[in-house]
Amino acid sequence: MIHWLFVVSVALFVSGIGFVVAGSRAARRVPAVEGPAATLTPIASVKQIMKGIVAPAATVVFNSVGTIVSSEGIEEKAPANEQEWEEVGNAAAALIESGNLLLIGSRAVDKGDWLKESQELIEAGKQTLKATQEKNAEGVLEAGAAVNMSCDNCHRKYQRGS
């Protein structure tokens, strides 16, 4: 009888520890922000996102690295200081967030290629951001090609005039 009570006591103790561990893990997953959940209310049209965020950001990326050939010779262009690298990094972040914006609400035209193309923009932006963090001009050039490709692929199917 005493052994049986000991076994039951140990089982209750172990299961109690399990509940404490499970409760603490669940508490860590609860968001720290209290109050009503944020509601996303898309305002800008896809066209406004393209003209106001994507095009200016992509232009910064495209113009940040390159080779200029003139009668005076060949000049390599790349960000030269912390401020210029930060500007390209900010443009990359804008491209990433633009891809996210294209997935919100009624902006997602379909669940197929639209999602794929938006994700490609996000990935190209991430590639650009990583290259700027590494201060890798060649990486920014390669990422710029990925940005351009993601834009071209999407525009082939979805662009509706300018």
Protein backbone atom coordinates (compact mmCIF):
# COMPACT_ATOMS: atom_id res chain seq x y z
CA MET A 1 0.00 0.00 0.00
CA ILE A 2 2.79 2.41 0.89
CA HIS A 3 4.56 1.67 -2.39
CA TRP A 4 1.33 2.30 -4.30
CA LEU A 5 0.87 5.71 -2.58
CA PHE A 6 4.50 6.55 -3.33
CA VAL A 7 4.04 5.74 -7.04
CA VAL A 8 0.86 7.85 -7.22
CA SER A 9 2.60 10.72 -5.42
CA VAL A 10 5.57 10.62 -7.82
CA ALA A 11 3.21 10.50 -10.82
CA LEU A 12 1.27 13.53 -9.55
CA PHE A 13 4.50 15.41 -8.85
CA VAL A 14 5.91 14.71 -12.35
CA SER A 15 2.64 15.65 -14.06
CA GLY A 16 2.51 18.85 -11.98
CA ILE A 17 6.01 19.76 -13.18
CA GLY A 18 4.85 19.06 -16.73
CA PHE A 19 1.93 21.46 -16.35
CA VAL A 20 4.24 24.17 -14.99
CA VAL A 21 6.66 23.76 -17.92
CA ALA A 22 3.82 23.73 -20.47
CA GLY A 23 2.26 26.81 -18.88
CA SER A 24 5.51 28.75 -18.94
CA ARG A 25 6.08 27.89 -22.61
CA ALA A 26 2.56 28.99 -23.48
CA ALA A 27 3.06 32.24 -21.56
CA ARG A 28 6.17 33.01 -23.61
CA ARG A 29 4.17 32.68 -26.85
CA VAL A 30 1.53 35.20 -25.80
CA PRO A 31 2.15 38.58 -27.49
CA ALA A 32 3.38 41.28 -25.13
CA VAL A 33 0.99 43.85 -26.59
CA GLU A 34 -2.29 44.01 -24.75
CA GLY A 35 -5.53 45.44 -26.02
CA PRO A 36 -7.37 44.90 -29.28
CA ALA A 37 -5.48 43.28 -32.13
CA ALA A 38 -4.34 45.60 -34.89
CA THR A 39 -6.57 45.59 -37.94
CA LEU A 40 -4.95 45.98 -41.34
CA THR A 41 -6.84 48.40 -43.53
CA PRO A 42 -5.33 48.60 -47.02
CA ILE A 43 -5.62 52.15 -48.37
CA ALA A 44 -3.18 52.49 -51.27
CA SER A 45 -3.89 50.86 -54.62
CA VAL A 46 -1.35 48.55 -56.23
CA LYS A 47 -0.57 51.35 -58.68
CA GLN A 48 0.14 53.76 -55.81
CA ILE A 49 2.41 51.21 -54.12
CA MET A 50 4.27 50.71 -57.40
CA LYS A 51 4.67 54.42 -58.17
CA GLY A 52 5.19 55.63 -54.61
CA ILE A 53 7.32 52.89 -53.08
CA VAL A 54 8.53 50.19 -55.48
CA ALA A 55 9.69 52.37 -58.40
CA PRO A 56 11.64 54.89 -56.27
CA ALA A 57 13.19 52.11 -54.15
CA ALA A 58 14.14 50.02 -57.19
CA THR A 59 15.67 53.11 -58.83
CA VAL A 60 17.90 53.65 -55.78
CA VAL A 61 19.06 50.03 -55.98
CA PHE A 62 19.60 50.13 -59.76
CA ASN A 63 21.52 53.43 -59.65
CA SER A 64 23.69 52.54 -56.65
CA VAL A 65 26.15 50.22 -58.41
CA GLY A 66 27.36 50.21 -61.99
CA THR A 67 30.01 51.03 -64.53
CA ILE A 68 30.06 54.36 -66.34
CA VAL A 69 31.97 54.47 -69.63
CA SER A 70 32.72 57.90 -71.04
CA SER A 71 35.34 59.62 -73.16
CA GLU A 72 37.23 60.27 -69.93
CA GLY A 73 37.46 56.55 -69.13
CA ILE A 74 35.72 53.91 -67.10
CA GLU A 75 34.32 54.73 -63.68
CA GLU A 76 33.00 52.14 -61.24
CA LYS A 77 30.07 53.37 -59.16
CA ALA A 78 29.24 51.95 -55.71
CA PRO A 79 28.14 53.31 -52.34
CA ALA A 80 31.17 55.10 -50.87
CA ASN A 81 30.19 55.74 -47.27
CA GLU A 82 27.89 54.61 -44.48
CA GLN A 83 25.13 57.03 -45.49
CA GLU A 84 25.04 55.76 -49.09
CA TRP A 85 24.98 52.11 -47.95
CA GLU A 86 22.15 52.96 -45.56
CA GLU A 87 20.18 54.61 -48.38
CA VAL A 88 20.43 51.46 -50.50
CA GLY A 89 19.54 49.32 -47.48
CA ASN A 90 16.48 51.48 -46.81
CA ALA A 91 15.41 51.05 -50.44
CA ALA A 92 15.83 47.28 -50.10
CA ALA A 93 13.66 47.29 -46.96
CA ALA A 94 11.02 49.29 -48.85
CA LEU A 95 11.01 46.64 -51.60
CA ILE A 96 10.57 43.88 -49.03
CA GLU A 97 7.70 45.67 -47.31
CA SER A 98 6.12 46.49 -50.67
CA GLY A 99 6.00 42.79 -51.44
CA ASN A 100 4.21 42.30 -48.12
CA LEU A 101 1.77 45.12 -48.93
CA LEU A 102 0.91 43.45 -52.24
CA LEU A 103 -0.33 40.42 -50.31
CA ILE A 104 -2.73 42.29 -48.03
CA GLY A 105 -6.48 42.37 -48.58
CA SER A 106 -7.94 42.68 -52.04
CA ARG A 107 -4.56 43.60 -53.57
CA ALA A 108 -3.77 39.90 -54.07
CA VAL A 109 -5.24 39.37 -57.53
CA ASP A 110 -5.01 35.57 -57.26
CA LYS A 111 -3.55 32.88 -55.03
CA GLY A 112 -1.15 31.59 -57.69
CA ASP A 113 1.28 33.71 -59.64
CA TRP A 114 0.47 36.91 -57.71
CA LEU A 115 1.68 35.30 -54.48
CA LYS A 116 4.73 33.84 -56.24
CA GLU A 117 5.68 37.15 -57.86
CA SER A 118 5.18 39.10 -54.62
CA GLN A 119 7.37 36.60 -52.80
CA GLU A 120 10.04 36.97 -55.49
CA LEU A 121 10.07 40.74 -54.88
CA ILE A 122 10.44 40.10 -51.15
CA GLU A 123 13.31 37.65 -51.73
CA ALA A 124 15.09 40.01 -54.14
CA GLY A 125 14.76 42.79 -51.57
CA LYS A 126 16.19 40.51 -48.88
CA GLN A 127 19.11 39.66 -51.16
CA THR A 128 19.73 43.38 -51.68
CA LEU A 129 19.46 44.15 -47.98
CA LYS A 130 21.96 41.40 -47.12
CA ALA A 131 24.42 42.73 -49.71
CA THR A 132 24.15 46.25 -48.27
CA GLN A 133 24.73 44.95 -44.74
CA GLU A 134 27.86 43.22 -46.02
CA LYS A 135 28.79 46.36 -48.02
CA ASN A 136 29.11 44.11 -51.06
CA ALA A 137 28.74 46.17 -54.26
CA GLU A 138 28.85 43.05 -56.49
CA GLY A 139 26.10 41.52 -54.34
CA VAL A 140 23.96 44.64 -54.78
CA LEU A 141 24.48 44.43 -58.53
CA GLU A 142 23.36 40.77 -58.57
CA ALA A 143 20.42 41.57 -56.29
CA GLY A 144 19.45 44.44 -58.60
CA ALA A 145 19.16 41.92 -61.42
CA ALA A 146 16.89 39.79 -59.20
CA VAL A 147 14.75 42.86 -58.40
CA ASN A 148 14.47 43.67 -62.10
CA MET A 149 13.55 40.08 -62.96
CA SER A 150 10.84 39.95 -60.28
CA CYS A 151 9.35 43.19 -61.60
CA ASP A 152 9.49 42.08 -65.23
CA ASN A 153 7.92 38.69 -64.49
CA CYS A 154 5.03 40.26 -62.61
CA HIS A 155 4.47 43.05 -65.14
CA ARG A 156 4.26 40.53 -67.99
CA LYS A 157 1.15 39.08 -66.45
CA TYR A 158 -0.43 41.81 -64.33
CA GLN A 159 0.53 45.32 -65.50
CA ARG A 160 -2.54 47.25 -66.63
CA GLY A 161 -1.19 50.42 -68.18
CA SER A 162 0.78 53.16 -66.47
